[in-house]
Amino acid sequence: MATHKLVIAGFGGQGVMLIGQMIAYAGMLEGKEVTWMPAYGPEMRGGTANCTVIVSDKKISSPVVTEATAVVAMNLPSLVKFEPIVKPEGMLFVNTSLIKEQPARNDVEIYSIDANEIAVSLHNDKVSNMVVLGAIVNKTGIVKLESIEKVMEKLFTGNKAKLLPLNKQALTAWKA
């Protein structure tokens, strides 16, 4: 494995921070070097939010990502802001439920994910972030899906335990 450098961005409340945290925790479970760095816009919920995640077999010298191997854009402002930092031949994950414009790049792999529609088809519109997380893991190989499921089992406890089956289902709901 090389070093994966991700930027995950969207509106506050879309679960972008959780996606990043879960990838970082899964990387830790696999014994990899990881960083997770959040950044919030002026408001938490409804404002823009993004995080950077680096997962590597080698020591990580800086958590700052200036050239990403993959960018996840959950909304149009995120696509506009972060599409330019995807390295050539990198990956761009686009939530086409909320982004109707086509990405400008033609030197990157683009994955269109109708995350919100898929979540609604699972009868819970709040799992769109887990749909996207599954797509990231599937296409990048950054961590194993089993590691993400182990992280879910640690996070979804108490009252949230009943959400575990639905969230696991959402991880594999998107088909490329």
N, C-alpha and C. Protein backbone atom coordinates (compact mmCIF):
# COMPACT_ATOMS: atom_id res chain seq x y z
N MET A 1 0.84 -1.19 0.00
CA MET A 1 0.00 0.00 0.00
C MET A 1 0.88 1.24 0.00
N ALA A 2 0.47 2.19 -0.74
CA ALA A 2 1.12 3.49 -0.71
C ALA A 2 0.50 4.31 0.41
N THR A 3 0.73 5.59 0.38
CA THR A 3 0.11 6.48 1.34
C THR A 3 -1.16 7.05 0.71
N HIS A 4 -2.27 6.91 1.41
CA HIS A 4 -3.55 7.47 0.95
C HIS A 4 -3.77 8.80 1.66
N LYS A 5 -4.06 9.84 0.87
CA LYS A 5 -4.35 11.16 1.44
C LYS A 5 -5.73 11.58 0.95
N LEU A 6 -6.68 11.63 1.88
CA LEU A 6 -8.07 11.94 1.54
C LEU A 6 -8.50 13.28 2.09
N VAL A 7 -9.37 13.94 1.33
CA VAL A 7 -10.11 15.09 1.83
C VAL A 7 -11.58 14.73 1.68
N ILE A 8 -12.32 14.84 2.77
CA ILE A 8 -13.75 14.52 2.78
C ILE A 8 -14.48 15.80 3.17
N ALA A 9 -15.39 16.27 2.31
CA ALA A 9 -15.99 17.58 2.55
C ALA A 9 -17.48 17.59 2.23
N GLY A 10 -18.21 18.44 2.96
CA GLY A 10 -19.65 18.61 2.73
C GLY A 10 -20.22 19.61 3.70
N PHE A 11 -21.54 19.66 3.79
CA PHE A 11 -22.22 20.51 4.77
C PHE A 11 -22.04 19.90 6.15
N GLY A 12 -22.01 20.75 7.17
CA GLY A 12 -22.06 20.24 8.53
C GLY A 12 -23.35 19.45 8.70
N GLY A 13 -23.28 18.32 9.36
CA GLY A 13 -24.46 17.49 9.54
C GLY A 13 -24.56 16.35 8.55
N GLN A 14 -23.69 16.33 7.52
CA GLN A 14 -23.72 15.24 6.53
C GLN A 14 -22.88 14.04 6.97
N GLY A 15 -22.18 14.17 8.07
CA GLY A 15 -21.40 13.04 8.57
C GLY A 15 -20.02 12.91 7.97
N VAL A 16 -19.47 14.00 7.41
CA VAL A 16 -18.14 13.90 6.80
C VAL A 16 -17.06 13.64 7.85
N MET A 17 -17.21 14.21 9.03
CA MET A 17 -16.21 13.98 10.09
C MET A 17 -16.23 12.51 10.53
N LEU A 18 -17.43 11.95 10.62
CA LEU A 18 -17.55 10.55 11.02
C LEU A 18 -16.89 9.63 9.99
N ILE A 19 -17.08 9.92 8.71
CA ILE A 19 -16.43 9.13 7.67
C ILE A 19 -14.92 9.12 7.91
N GLY A 20 -14.36 10.31 8.10
CA GLY A 20 -12.92 10.43 8.31
C GLY A 20 -12.44 9.72 9.56
N GLN A 21 -13.18 9.91 10.66
CA GLN A 21 -12.80 9.25 11.91
C GLN A 21 -12.83 7.74 11.78
N MET A 22 -13.85 7.23 11.11
CA MET A 22 -13.97 5.77 10.99
C MET A 22 -12.84 5.19 10.14
N ILE A 23 -12.44 5.90 9.08
CA ILE A 23 -11.30 5.44 8.28
C ILE A 23 -10.03 5.45 9.13
N ALA A 24 -9.84 6.53 9.90
CA ALA A 24 -8.65 6.64 10.75
C ALA A 24 -8.63 5.52 11.80
N TYR A 25 -9.76 5.30 12.47
CA TYR A 25 -9.82 4.23 13.48
C TYR A 25 -9.57 2.86 12.85
N ALA A 26 -10.15 2.63 11.67
CA ALA A 26 -9.94 1.34 10.99
C ALA A 26 -8.46 1.17 10.63
N GLY A 27 -7.82 2.25 10.19
CA GLY A 27 -6.38 2.19 9.89
C GLY A 27 -5.58 1.85 11.13
N MET A 28 -5.96 2.42 12.27
CA MET A 28 -5.28 2.12 13.54
C MET A 28 -5.45 0.65 13.89
N LEU A 29 -6.67 0.12 13.72
CA LEU A 29 -6.92 -1.30 14.00
C LEU A 29 -6.03 -2.20 13.15
N GLU A 30 -5.72 -1.74 11.93
CA GLU A 30 -4.88 -2.51 11.01
C GLU A 30 -3.39 -2.25 11.23
N GLY A 31 -3.05 -1.45 12.24
CA GLY A 31 -1.65 -1.20 12.56
C GLY A 31 -0.96 -0.20 11.63
N LYS A 32 -1.75 0.62 10.94
CA LYS A 32 -1.19 1.61 10.02
C LYS A 32 -0.97 2.93 10.73
N GLU A 33 -0.17 3.76 10.11
CA GLU A 33 0.01 5.14 10.58
C GLU A 33 -1.19 5.95 10.08
N VAL A 34 -1.78 6.78 10.92
CA VAL A 34 -2.94 7.57 10.51
C VAL A 34 -2.89 8.98 11.08
N THR A 35 -3.51 9.90 10.35
CA THR A 35 -3.84 11.23 10.89
C THR A 35 -5.27 11.53 10.49
N TRP A 36 -5.94 12.31 11.32
CA TRP A 36 -7.28 12.81 11.02
C TRP A 36 -7.31 14.25 11.50
N MET A 37 -7.64 15.17 10.60
CA MET A 37 -7.65 16.57 10.97
C MET A 37 -8.95 17.23 10.49
N PRO A 38 -9.80 17.66 11.44
CA PRO A 38 -11.07 18.30 11.05
C PRO A 38 -10.90 19.79 10.77
N ALA A 39 -11.81 20.33 9.95
CA ALA A 39 -11.88 21.78 9.72
C ALA A 39 -13.35 22.13 9.54
N TYR A 40 -13.79 23.13 10.27
CA TYR A 40 -15.21 23.52 10.23
C TYR A 40 -15.34 24.91 9.65
N GLY A 41 -16.48 25.13 8.96
CA GLY A 41 -16.81 26.46 8.49
C GLY A 41 -17.38 27.28 9.64
N PRO A 42 -17.98 28.43 9.35
CA PRO A 42 -18.48 29.31 10.40
C PRO A 42 -19.52 28.69 11.32
N GLU A 43 -20.39 27.84 10.78
CA GLU A 43 -21.36 27.15 11.63
C GLU A 43 -21.07 25.67 11.55
N MET A 44 -21.38 24.96 12.61
CA MET A 44 -21.14 23.52 12.61
C MET A 44 -22.20 22.83 11.75
N ARG A 45 -23.46 23.02 12.07
CA ARG A 45 -24.50 22.32 11.32
C ARG A 45 -25.00 23.24 10.22
N GLY A 46 -24.87 22.80 8.99
CA GLY A 46 -25.31 23.61 7.87
C GLY A 46 -24.16 24.37 7.23
N GLY A 47 -23.11 24.66 7.97
CA GLY A 47 -21.93 25.29 7.39
C GLY A 47 -21.08 24.24 6.72
N THR A 48 -19.98 24.66 6.10
CA THR A 48 -19.13 23.67 5.45
C THR A 48 -18.23 23.00 6.48
N ALA A 49 -17.94 21.76 6.23
CA ALA A 49 -17.07 21.00 7.11
C ALA A 49 -16.22 20.09 6.23
N ASN A 50 -14.97 19.90 6.62
CA ASN A 50 -14.15 18.93 5.90
C ASN A 50 -13.12 18.37 6.85
N CYS A 51 -12.56 17.25 6.46
CA CYS A 51 -11.47 16.69 7.23
C CYS A 51 -10.48 16.04 6.27
N THR A 52 -9.26 15.96 6.73
CA THR A 52 -8.24 15.25 5.97
C THR A 52 -7.89 13.99 6.75
N VAL A 53 -7.68 12.92 6.01
CA VAL A 53 -7.28 11.65 6.60
C VAL A 53 -6.10 11.13 5.80
N ILE A 54 -5.05 10.74 6.50
CA ILE A 54 -3.92 10.11 5.85
C ILE A 54 -3.75 8.73 6.49
N VAL A 55 -3.62 7.71 5.66
CA VAL A 55 -3.39 6.35 6.12
C VAL A 55 -2.18 5.83 5.34
N SER A 56 -1.19 5.34 6.09
CA SER A 56 0.05 4.94 5.44
C SER A 56 0.73 3.81 6.21
N ASP A 57 1.60 3.08 5.51
CA ASP A 57 2.46 2.09 6.15
C ASP A 57 3.70 2.76 6.74
N LYS A 58 3.98 3.98 6.27
CA LYS A 58 5.18 4.71 6.71
C LYS A 58 4.78 5.82 7.68
N LYS A 59 5.77 6.37 8.37
CA LYS A 59 5.53 7.51 9.24
C LYS A 59 4.97 8.66 8.41
N ILE A 60 4.08 9.43 8.99
CA ILE A 60 3.45 10.57 8.32
C ILE A 60 4.11 11.83 8.86
N SER A 61 4.69 12.62 7.96
CA SER A 61 5.44 13.80 8.43
C SER A 61 4.54 15.00 8.71
N SER A 62 3.38 15.09 8.05
CA SER A 62 2.49 16.22 8.26
C SER A 62 1.04 15.80 7.99
N PRO A 63 0.10 16.28 8.81
CA PRO A 63 -1.31 15.94 8.57
C PRO A 63 -1.96 16.81 7.50
N VAL A 64 -1.22 17.78 6.97
CA VAL A 64 -1.76 18.71 5.97
C VAL A 64 -1.75 18.04 4.59
N VAL A 65 -2.87 18.10 3.90
CA VAL A 65 -2.97 17.52 2.57
C VAL A 65 -3.08 18.65 1.55
N THR A 66 -2.03 18.78 0.73
CA THR A 66 -2.07 19.78 -0.35
C THR A 66 -2.35 19.13 -1.69
N GLU A 67 -2.07 17.82 -1.79
CA GLU A 67 -2.38 17.05 -2.99
C GLU A 67 -2.98 15.73 -2.52
N ALA A 68 -4.27 15.54 -2.81
CA ALA A 68 -4.99 14.38 -2.30
C ALA A 68 -4.99 13.23 -3.31
N THR A 69 -4.90 12.01 -2.78
CA THR A 69 -5.08 10.84 -3.65
C THR A 69 -6.56 10.63 -3.93
N ALA A 70 -7.42 11.14 -3.04
CA ALA A 70 -8.87 11.06 -3.24
C ALA A 70 -9.56 12.22 -2.54
N VAL A 71 -10.60 12.73 -3.18
CA VAL A 71 -11.46 13.76 -2.58
C VAL A 71 -12.89 13.27 -2.62
N VAL A 72 -13.60 13.49 -1.51
CA VAL A 72 -15.02 13.17 -1.43
C VAL A 72 -15.77 14.49 -1.33
N ALA A 73 -16.64 14.75 -2.30
CA ALA A 73 -17.44 15.98 -2.29
C ALA A 73 -18.90 15.60 -2.07
N MET A 74 -19.41 15.97 -0.90
CA MET A 74 -20.79 15.66 -0.56
C MET A 74 -21.76 16.75 -1.02
N ASN A 75 -21.22 17.94 -1.40
CA ASN A 75 -22.06 19.03 -1.90
C ASN A 75 -21.26 19.86 -2.90
N LEU A 76 -21.94 20.74 -3.63
CA LEU A 76 -21.30 21.52 -4.69
C LEU A 76 -20.17 22.43 -4.20
N PRO A 77 -20.35 23.19 -3.10
CA PRO A 77 -19.23 24.02 -2.64
C PRO A 77 -17.96 23.20 -2.36
N SER A 78 -18.13 21.98 -1.88
CA SER A 78 -16.98 21.12 -1.60
C SER A 78 -16.31 20.67 -2.89
N LEU A 79 -17.11 20.36 -3.90
CA LEU A 79 -16.55 19.97 -5.20
C LEU A 79 -15.74 21.13 -5.77
N VAL A 80 -16.31 22.31 -5.76
CA VAL A 80 -15.64 23.49 -6.31
C VAL A 80 -14.32 23.75 -5.57
N LYS A 81 -14.34 23.64 -4.26
CA LYS A 81 -13.17 23.96 -3.46
C LYS A 81 -12.06 22.90 -3.54
N PHE A 82 -12.44 21.62 -3.54
CA PHE A 82 -11.43 20.57 -3.38
C PHE A 82 -11.10 19.77 -4.64
N GLU A 83 -11.91 19.86 -5.68
CA GLU A 83 -11.59 19.14 -6.92
C GLU A 83 -10.18 19.45 -7.42
N PRO A 84 -9.74 20.72 -7.35
CA PRO A 84 -8.41 21.03 -7.88
C PRO A 84 -7.23 20.35 -7.16
N ILE A 85 -7.43 19.88 -5.92
CA ILE A 85 -6.28 19.31 -5.22
C ILE A 85 -6.13 17.79 -5.39
N VAL A 86 -7.04 17.17 -6.17
CA VAL A 86 -6.88 15.74 -6.45
C VAL A 86 -5.69 15.60 -7.38
N LYS A 87 -4.76 14.72 -7.01
CA LYS A 87 -3.60 14.54 -7.88
C LYS A 87 -4.03 13.85 -9.17
N PRO A 88 -3.33 14.11 -10.28
CA PRO A 88 -3.68 13.42 -11.52
C PRO A 88 -3.70 11.90 -11.29
N GLU A 89 -4.69 11.26 -11.86
CA GLU A 89 -4.96 9.84 -11.69
C GLU A 89 -5.45 9.48 -10.29
N GLY A 90 -5.80 10.50 -9.51
CA GLY A 90 -6.41 10.27 -8.21
C GLY A 90 -7.89 9.97 -8.39
N MET A 91 -8.62 9.97 -7.28
CA MET A 91 -10.04 9.62 -7.30
C MET A 91 -10.89 10.77 -6.77
N LEU A 92 -12.04 10.94 -7.41
CA LEU A 92 -12.99 11.96 -6.99
C LEU A 92 -14.35 11.29 -6.80
N PHE A 93 -14.83 11.31 -5.55
CA PHE A 93 -16.13 10.72 -5.20
C PHE A 93 -17.13 11.87 -5.11
N VAL A 94 -18.19 11.81 -5.92
CA VAL A 94 -19.15 12.91 -6.01
C VAL A 94 -20.53 12.42 -5.60
N ASN A 95 -21.13 13.12 -4.62
CA ASN A 95 -22.51 12.81 -4.21
C ASN A 95 -23.44 13.45 -5.23
N THR A 96 -23.81 12.66 -6.24
CA THR A 96 -24.64 13.18 -7.32
C THR A 96 -26.09 13.42 -6.89
N SER A 97 -26.44 13.04 -5.68
CA SER A 97 -27.76 13.40 -5.16
C SER A 97 -27.87 14.90 -4.99
N LEU A 98 -26.77 15.54 -4.61
CA LEU A 98 -26.77 16.98 -4.34
C LEU A 98 -25.96 17.78 -5.35
N ILE A 99 -25.14 17.11 -6.14
CA ILE A 99 -24.28 17.81 -7.11
C ILE A 99 -24.72 17.41 -8.52
N LYS A 100 -25.31 18.34 -9.22
CA LYS A 100 -25.79 18.05 -10.57
C LYS A 100 -24.75 18.43 -11.64
N GLU A 101 -23.81 19.31 -11.29
CA GLU A 101 -22.77 19.71 -12.23
C GLU A 101 -21.74 18.58 -12.41
N GLN A 102 -21.18 18.51 -13.60
CA GLN A 102 -20.14 17.53 -13.85
C GLN A 102 -18.80 18.08 -13.35
N PRO A 103 -17.96 17.24 -12.77
CA PRO A 103 -16.62 17.70 -12.40
C PRO A 103 -15.87 18.19 -13.63
N ALA A 104 -14.96 19.13 -13.42
CA ALA A 104 -14.21 19.71 -14.53
C ALA A 104 -13.03 18.84 -14.95
N ARG A 105 -12.53 18.01 -14.06
CA ARG A 105 -11.32 17.23 -14.32
C ARG A 105 -11.60 16.05 -15.24
N ASN A 106 -10.63 15.76 -16.11
CA ASN A 106 -10.72 14.55 -16.91
C ASN A 106 -9.47 13.69 -16.73
N ASP A 107 -8.64 14.06 -15.75
CA ASP A 107 -7.41 13.31 -15.48
C ASP A 107 -7.49 12.55 -14.16
N VAL A 108 -8.73 12.38 -13.65
CA VAL A 108 -8.93 11.65 -12.40
C VAL A 108 -10.07 10.64 -12.60
N GLU A 109 -10.10 9.62 -11.75
CA GLU A 109 -11.22 8.67 -11.77
C GLU A 109 -12.37 9.31 -11.00
N ILE A 110 -13.54 9.38 -11.63
CA ILE A 110 -14.70 10.00 -10.99
C ILE A 110 -15.72 8.91 -10.67
N TYR A 111 -16.16 8.90 -9.41
CA TYR A 111 -17.18 7.95 -8.96
C TYR A 111 -18.41 8.73 -8.56
N SER A 112 -19.48 8.54 -9.31
CA SER A 112 -20.75 9.21 -9.03
C SER A 112 -21.57 8.33 -8.10
N ILE A 113 -21.97 8.90 -6.98
CA ILE A 113 -22.71 8.13 -5.98
C ILE A 113 -23.99 8.88 -5.63
N ASP A 114 -25.13 8.27 -5.91
CA ASP A 114 -26.42 8.86 -5.53
C ASP A 114 -26.67 8.54 -4.06
N ALA A 115 -25.83 9.07 -3.20
CA ALA A 115 -25.81 8.67 -1.78
C ALA A 115 -27.15 8.88 -1.08
N ASN A 116 -27.77 10.02 -1.31
CA ASN A 116 -29.03 10.30 -0.62
C ASN A 116 -30.15 9.38 -1.10
N GLU A 117 -30.22 9.15 -2.43
CA GLU A 117 -31.24 8.25 -2.96
C GLU A 117 -31.05 6.83 -2.44
N ILE A 118 -29.80 6.38 -2.40
CA ILE A 118 -29.52 5.03 -1.89
C ILE A 118 -29.93 4.94 -0.42
N ALA A 119 -29.61 5.98 0.35
CA ALA A 119 -29.98 6.00 1.77
C ALA A 119 -31.51 5.94 1.93
N VAL A 120 -32.22 6.70 1.12
CA VAL A 120 -33.69 6.70 1.18
C VAL A 120 -34.22 5.30 0.83
N SER A 121 -33.58 4.64 -0.14
CA SER A 121 -34.02 3.29 -0.52
C SER A 121 -33.81 2.29 0.63
N LEU A 122 -32.91 2.63 1.55
CA LEU A 122 -32.68 1.80 2.74
C LEU A 122 -33.59 2.24 3.90
N HIS A 123 -34.47 3.20 3.62
CA HIS A 123 -35.46 3.71 4.57
C HIS A 123 -34.86 4.56 5.69
N ASN A 124 -33.69 5.16 5.43
CA ASN A 124 -33.12 6.09 6.42
C ASN A 124 -32.17 7.03 5.71
N ASP A 125 -32.61 8.28 5.49
CA ASP A 125 -31.79 9.23 4.75
C ASP A 125 -30.52 9.67 5.49
N LYS A 126 -30.38 9.25 6.75
CA LYS A 126 -29.20 9.65 7.52
C LYS A 126 -27.97 8.77 7.24
N VAL A 127 -28.12 7.70 6.47
CA VAL A 127 -26.98 6.81 6.23
C VAL A 127 -26.26 7.10 4.91
N SER A 128 -26.53 8.25 4.31
CA SER A 128 -25.85 8.57 3.04
C SER A 128 -24.32 8.60 3.22
N ASN A 129 -23.86 9.04 4.40
CA ASN A 129 -22.41 9.05 4.64
C ASN A 129 -21.84 7.64 4.68
N MET A 130 -22.60 6.68 5.18
CA MET A 130 -22.11 5.30 5.22
C MET A 130 -22.09 4.68 3.82
N VAL A 131 -23.01 5.10 2.97
CA VAL A 131 -23.00 4.67 1.57
C VAL A 131 -21.69 5.14 0.92
N VAL A 132 -21.35 6.40 1.15
CA VAL A 132 -20.12 6.98 0.59
C VAL A 132 -18.89 6.31 1.20
N LEU A 133 -18.91 6.08 2.50
CA LEU A 133 -17.79 5.40 3.16
C LEU A 133 -17.53 4.05 2.52
N GLY A 134 -18.58 3.30 2.26
CA GLY A 134 -18.43 2.00 1.62
C GLY A 134 -17.80 2.12 0.24
N ALA A 135 -18.21 3.14 -0.52
CA ALA A 135 -17.64 3.37 -1.86
C ALA A 135 -16.15 3.69 -1.76
N ILE A 136 -15.78 4.52 -0.79
CA ILE A 136 -14.36 4.89 -0.60
C ILE A 136 -13.53 3.65 -0.31
N VAL A 137 -13.98 2.86 0.65
CA VAL A 137 -13.25 1.65 1.04
C VAL A 137 -13.16 0.68 -0.15
N ASN A 138 -14.27 0.52 -0.86
CA ASN A 138 -14.33 -0.38 -2.00
C ASN A 138 -13.33 0.03 -3.09
N LYS A 139 -13.28 1.30 -3.43
CA LYS A 139 -12.48 1.75 -4.57
C LYS A 139 -11.02 2.07 -4.22
N THR A 140 -10.76 2.55 -3.01
CA THR A 140 -9.37 2.93 -2.67
C THR A 140 -8.59 1.79 -2.02
N GLY A 141 -9.29 0.91 -1.31
CA GLY A 141 -8.59 -0.12 -0.55
C GLY A 141 -7.81 0.45 0.63
N ILE A 142 -8.18 1.65 1.05
CA ILE A 142 -7.46 2.35 2.13
C ILE A 142 -7.44 1.54 3.43
N VAL A 143 -8.56 0.89 3.72
CA VAL A 143 -8.67 -0.05 4.85
C VAL A 143 -9.60 -1.17 4.40
N LYS A 144 -9.69 -2.21 5.23
CA LYS A 144 -10.59 -3.32 4.91
C LYS A 144 -12.00 -3.00 5.40
N LEU A 145 -12.99 -3.47 4.66
CA LEU A 145 -14.38 -3.29 5.05
C LEU A 145 -14.64 -3.90 6.43
N GLU A 146 -14.00 -5.04 6.72
CA GLU A 146 -14.17 -5.69 8.02
C GLU A 146 -13.69 -4.77 9.15
N SER A 147 -12.63 -4.00 8.88
CA SER A 147 -12.13 -3.06 9.91
C SER A 147 -13.14 -1.96 10.16
N ILE A 148 -13.77 -1.47 9.10
CA ILE A 148 -14.82 -0.45 9.26
C ILE A 148 -15.97 -1.02 10.08
N GLU A 149 -16.35 -2.26 9.81
CA GLU A 149 -17.44 -2.88 10.57
C GLU A 149 -17.06 -3.04 12.05
N LYS A 150 -15.80 -3.36 12.34
CA LYS A 150 -15.35 -3.45 13.74
C LYS A 150 -15.44 -2.08 14.42
N VAL A 151 -15.06 -1.03 13.68
CA VAL A 151 -15.16 0.32 14.23
C VAL A 151 -16.63 0.65 14.52
N MET A 152 -17.52 0.29 13.60
CA MET A 152 -18.95 0.52 13.81
C MET A 152 -19.43 -0.16 15.09
N GLU A 153 -18.97 -1.38 15.30
CA GLU A 153 -19.40 -2.13 16.49
C GLU A 153 -18.93 -1.45 17.78
N LYS A 154 -17.79 -0.76 17.71
CA LYS A 154 -17.30 -0.01 18.88
C LYS A 154 -18.06 1.30 19.07
N LEU A 155 -18.43 1.95 17.95
CA LEU A 155 -19.10 3.25 18.02
C LEU A 155 -20.60 3.15 18.29
N PHE A 156 -21.25 2.16 17.68
CA PHE A 156 -22.69 2.03 17.81
C PHE A 156 -23.03 1.11 18.98
N THR A 157 -23.04 1.69 20.17
CA THR A 157 -23.36 0.93 21.38
C THR A 157 -24.56 1.58 22.07
N GLY A 158 -25.06 0.94 23.08
CA GLY A 158 -26.21 1.49 23.82
C GLY A 158 -27.41 1.65 22.92
N ASN A 159 -28.01 2.85 22.94
CA ASN A 159 -29.19 3.13 22.11
C ASN A 159 -28.88 3.06 20.62
N LYS A 160 -27.61 3.31 20.25
CA LYS A 160 -27.23 3.32 18.84
C LYS A 160 -27.02 1.91 18.28
N ALA A 161 -26.96 0.90 19.14
CA ALA A 161 -26.70 -0.47 18.69
C ALA A 161 -27.74 -0.94 17.67
N LYS A 162 -28.97 -0.45 17.81
CA LYS A 162 -30.02 -0.87 16.87
C LYS A 162 -29.76 -0.34 15.45
N LEU A 163 -28.88 0.65 15.31
CA LEU A 163 -28.56 1.22 14.00
C LEU A 163 -27.47 0.43 13.26
N LEU A 164 -26.83 -0.49 13.95
CA LEU A 164 -25.71 -1.23 13.38
C LEU A 164 -26.07 -1.99 12.10
N PRO A 165 -27.12 -2.81 12.06
CA PRO A 165 -27.44 -3.55 10.83
C PRO A 165 -27.67 -2.62 9.62
N LEU A 166 -28.41 -1.53 9.84
CA LEU A 166 -28.69 -0.59 8.76
C LEU A 166 -27.39 0.05 8.25
N ASN A 167 -26.53 0.46 9.14
CA ASN A 167 -25.27 1.10 8.73
C ASN A 167 -24.36 0.12 8.00
N LYS A 168 -24.34 -1.13 8.45
CA LYS A 168 -23.54 -2.14 7.73
C LYS A 168 -24.12 -2.39 6.34
N GLN A 169 -25.44 -2.39 6.24
CA GLN A 169 -26.09 -2.56 4.94
C GLN A 169 -25.73 -1.39 4.02
N ALA A 170 -25.71 -0.17 4.55
CA ALA A 170 -25.39 1.01 3.75
C ALA A 170 -23.97 0.96 3.18
N LEU A 171 -23.05 0.33 3.92
CA LEU A 171 -21.67 0.24 3.44
C LEU A 171 -21.53 -0.47 2.10
N THR A 172 -22.42 -1.41 1.84
CA THR A 172 -22.30 -2.19 0.61
C THR A 172 -23.44 -1.89 -0.37
N ALA A 173 -24.17 -0.80 -0.14
CA ALA A 173 -25.35 -0.50 -0.97
C ALA A 173 -25.00 0.08 -2.33
N TRP A 174 -23.87 0.77 -2.46
CA TRP A 174 -23.48 1.38 -3.74
C TRP A 174 -22.71 0.37 -4.57
N LYS A 175 -23.13 0.26 -5.83
CA LYS A 175 -22.42 -0.63 -6.75
C LYS A 175 -21.85 0.23 -7.88
N ALA A 176 -20.57 0.09 -8.11
CA ALA A 176 -19.89 0.88 -9.14
C ALA A 176 -20.37 0.50 -10.53
